[in-house]
Amino acid sequence: MRTTLLLLALAALQGSRVRQEPRQPAMAAGFRRRNPGLSAVLDKLGFSRHVRSPWFSAVYLLL
């Protein structure tokens, strides 16, 4: 249970650090312009829409 809570906390922390597309589209677009290589990787991993990503759902379901 502690491990799951830690994973959920890390996922939530990442959601506050990486601009989320649905909530802040202009800031997310600016991040993509400034970091094209990094944003491509983060988008493929679901970091720009973390609540809808499979890895976030898996952590949430573990609770």
N, C-alpha and C. Protein backbone atom coordinates (compact mmCIF):
# COMPACT_ATOMS: atom_id res chain seq x y z
N MET A 1 0.82 -1.19 0.00
CA MET A 1 0.00 0.00 0.00
C MET A 1 0.87 1.26 0.00
N ARG A 2 1.96 1.23 0.77
CA ARG A 2 2.84 2.40 0.79
C ARG A 2 3.49 2.65 -0.56
N THR A 3 3.86 1.56 -1.21
CA THR A 3 4.48 1.70 -2.53
C THR A 3 3.50 2.30 -3.52
N THR A 4 2.26 1.86 -3.47
CA THR A 4 1.24 2.40 -4.36
C THR A 4 1.01 3.88 -4.10
N LEU A 5 0.95 4.26 -2.85
CA LEU A 5 0.77 5.67 -2.52
C LEU A 5 1.96 6.50 -2.97
N LEU A 6 3.14 5.94 -2.85
CA LEU A 6 4.34 6.64 -3.32
C LEU A 6 4.29 6.83 -4.84
N LEU A 7 3.89 5.79 -5.56
CA LEU A 7 3.77 5.90 -7.01
C LEU A 7 2.71 6.94 -7.41
N LEU A 8 1.60 6.94 -6.70
CA LEU A 8 0.56 7.92 -6.99
C LEU A 8 1.05 9.34 -6.69
N ALA A 9 1.80 9.50 -5.61
CA ALA A 9 2.35 10.82 -5.28
C ALA A 9 3.34 11.28 -6.35
N LEU A 10 4.18 10.38 -6.82
CA LEU A 10 5.13 10.74 -7.88
C LEU A 10 4.41 11.09 -9.18
N ALA A 11 3.35 10.36 -9.47
CA ALA A 11 2.57 10.65 -10.68
C ALA A 11 1.89 12.01 -10.57
N ALA A 12 1.37 12.32 -9.40
CA ALA A 12 0.73 13.62 -9.21
C ALA A 12 1.75 14.75 -9.26
N LEU A 13 2.94 14.50 -8.72
CA LEU A 13 3.99 15.51 -8.77
C LEU A 13 4.39 15.80 -10.21
N GLN A 14 4.52 14.77 -11.01
CA GLN A 14 4.85 14.94 -12.43
C GLN A 14 3.76 15.73 -13.12
N GLY A 15 2.51 15.52 -12.74
CA GLY A 15 1.41 16.27 -13.35
C GLY A 15 1.45 17.75 -13.04
N SER A 16 2.07 18.11 -11.93
CA SER A 16 2.18 19.52 -11.60
C SER A 16 3.42 20.16 -12.23
N ARG A 17 4.39 19.36 -12.63
CA ARG A 17 5.61 19.90 -13.23
C ARG A 17 5.53 20.00 -14.75
N VAL A 18 4.92 19.03 -15.40
CA VAL A 18 4.79 19.04 -16.85
C VAL A 18 3.43 19.64 -17.19
N ARG A 19 3.41 20.62 -18.06
CA ARG A 19 2.17 21.30 -18.42
C ARG A 19 1.19 20.31 -19.03
N GLN A 20 -0.04 20.34 -18.54
CA GLN A 20 -1.07 19.41 -18.98
C GLN A 20 -1.85 20.02 -20.13
N GLU A 21 -1.96 19.28 -21.21
CA GLU A 21 -2.59 19.76 -22.44
C GLU A 21 -4.04 20.24 -22.22
N PRO A 22 -4.91 19.47 -21.60
CA PRO A 22 -6.30 19.93 -21.47
C PRO A 22 -6.46 21.17 -20.60
N ARG A 23 -5.63 21.32 -19.60
CA ARG A 23 -5.81 22.43 -18.65
C ARG A 23 -5.08 23.70 -19.09
N GLN A 24 -3.93 23.56 -19.72
CA GLN A 24 -3.10 24.70 -20.09
C GLN A 24 -2.56 24.54 -21.50
N PRO A 25 -3.43 24.62 -22.50
CA PRO A 25 -2.97 24.35 -23.87
C PRO A 25 -1.90 25.33 -24.37
N ALA A 26 -2.00 26.60 -24.01
CA ALA A 26 -1.00 27.57 -24.48
C ALA A 26 0.37 27.30 -23.85
N MET A 27 0.38 26.97 -22.58
CA MET A 27 1.65 26.68 -21.91
C MET A 27 2.24 25.37 -22.41
N ALA A 28 1.39 24.39 -22.69
CA ALA A 28 1.87 23.12 -23.23
C ALA A 28 2.48 23.32 -24.62
N ALA A 29 1.85 24.17 -25.42
CA ALA A 29 2.39 24.45 -26.76
C ALA A 29 3.73 25.17 -26.66
N GLY A 30 3.86 26.08 -25.69
CA GLY A 30 5.14 26.77 -25.48
C GLY A 30 6.23 25.81 -25.05
N PHE A 31 5.88 24.86 -24.20
CA PHE A 31 6.85 23.85 -23.78
C PHE A 31 7.30 23.00 -24.97
N ARG A 32 6.36 22.68 -25.85
CA ARG A 32 6.71 21.88 -27.04
C ARG A 32 7.64 22.65 -27.97
N ARG A 33 7.41 23.96 -28.11
CA ARG A 33 8.29 24.77 -28.97
C ARG A 33 9.69 24.87 -28.38
N ARG A 34 9.79 25.02 -27.06
CA ARG A 34 11.10 25.17 -26.42
C ARG A 34 11.86 23.85 -26.31
N ASN A 35 11.14 22.73 -26.20
CA ASN A 35 11.76 21.42 -25.99
C ASN A 35 11.18 20.39 -26.95
N PRO A 36 11.46 20.48 -28.24
CA PRO A 36 10.81 19.56 -29.18
C PRO A 36 11.17 18.09 -28.97
N GLY A 37 12.41 17.79 -28.65
CA GLY A 37 12.81 16.39 -28.45
C GLY A 37 12.22 15.79 -27.19
N LEU A 38 12.33 16.54 -26.10
CA LEU A 38 11.80 16.07 -24.82
C LEU A 38 10.29 15.96 -24.85
N SER A 39 9.62 16.92 -25.46
CA SER A 39 8.15 16.88 -25.49
C SER A 39 7.64 15.70 -26.31
N ALA A 40 8.37 15.29 -27.34
CA ALA A 40 7.94 14.13 -28.12
C ALA A 40 7.98 12.86 -27.27
N VAL A 41 9.03 12.72 -26.47
CA VAL A 41 9.16 11.55 -25.59
C VAL A 41 8.08 11.59 -24.51
N LEU A 42 7.89 12.74 -23.89
CA LEU A 42 6.90 12.87 -22.83
C LEU A 42 5.48 12.63 -23.35
N ASP A 43 5.20 13.08 -24.57
CA ASP A 43 3.88 12.84 -25.16
C ASP A 43 3.64 11.35 -25.40
N LYS A 44 4.65 10.65 -25.88
CA LYS A 44 4.49 9.21 -26.12
C LYS A 44 4.27 8.44 -24.83
N LEU A 45 4.85 8.92 -23.74
CA LEU A 45 4.69 8.26 -22.44
C LEU A 45 3.42 8.71 -21.71
N GLY A 46 2.73 9.70 -22.27
CA GLY A 46 1.48 10.15 -21.67
C GLY A 46 1.65 11.18 -20.57
N PHE A 47 2.75 11.89 -20.56
CA PHE A 47 3.00 12.85 -19.49
C PHE A 47 2.25 14.15 -19.69
N SER A 48 1.83 14.48 -20.89
CA SER A 48 1.11 15.73 -21.10
C SER A 48 -0.38 15.58 -20.86
N ARG A 49 -0.85 14.37 -20.75
CA ARG A 49 -2.24 14.07 -20.39
C ARG A 49 -2.22 12.92 -19.39
N HIS A 50 -1.59 13.16 -18.26
CA HIS A 50 -1.29 12.05 -17.35
C HIS A 50 -2.52 11.40 -16.74
N VAL A 51 -3.60 12.11 -16.54
CA VAL A 51 -4.78 11.50 -15.91
C VAL A 51 -5.42 10.48 -16.85
N ARG A 52 -5.26 10.67 -18.13
CA ARG A 52 -5.83 9.73 -19.11
C ARG A 52 -4.83 8.69 -19.59
N SER A 53 -3.63 8.72 -19.08
CA SER A 53 -2.61 7.77 -19.54
C SER A 53 -2.79 6.41 -18.87
N PRO A 54 -2.39 5.35 -19.56
CA PRO A 54 -2.53 4.00 -19.00
C PRO A 54 -1.73 3.78 -17.72
N TRP A 55 -0.53 4.36 -17.63
CA TRP A 55 0.28 4.14 -16.44
C TRP A 55 -0.33 4.80 -15.22
N PHE A 56 -0.95 5.98 -15.39
CA PHE A 56 -1.59 6.65 -14.26
C PHE A 56 -2.83 5.87 -13.81
N SER A 57 -3.58 5.37 -14.77
CA SER A 57 -4.76 4.56 -14.43
C SER A 57 -4.37 3.29 -13.69
N ALA A 58 -3.26 2.69 -14.09
CA ALA A 58 -2.80 1.46 -13.42
C ALA A 58 -2.42 1.75 -11.97
N VAL A 59 -1.72 2.85 -11.73
CA VAL A 59 -1.35 3.20 -10.37
C VAL A 59 -2.59 3.50 -9.54
N TYR A 60 -3.54 4.21 -10.13
CA TYR A 60 -4.76 4.56 -9.43
C TYR A 60 -5.59 3.32 -9.10
N LEU A 61 -5.64 2.37 -10.02
CA LEU A 61 -6.40 1.14 -9.76
C LEU A 61 -5.74 0.24 -8.71
N LEU A 62 -4.44 0.37 -8.52
CA LEU A 62 -3.76 -0.40 -7.48
C LEU A 62 -4.21 0.00 -6.07
N LEU A 63 -4.74 1.20 -5.96
CA LEU A 63 -5.23 1.64 -4.64
C LEU A 63 -6.48 0.87 -4.29
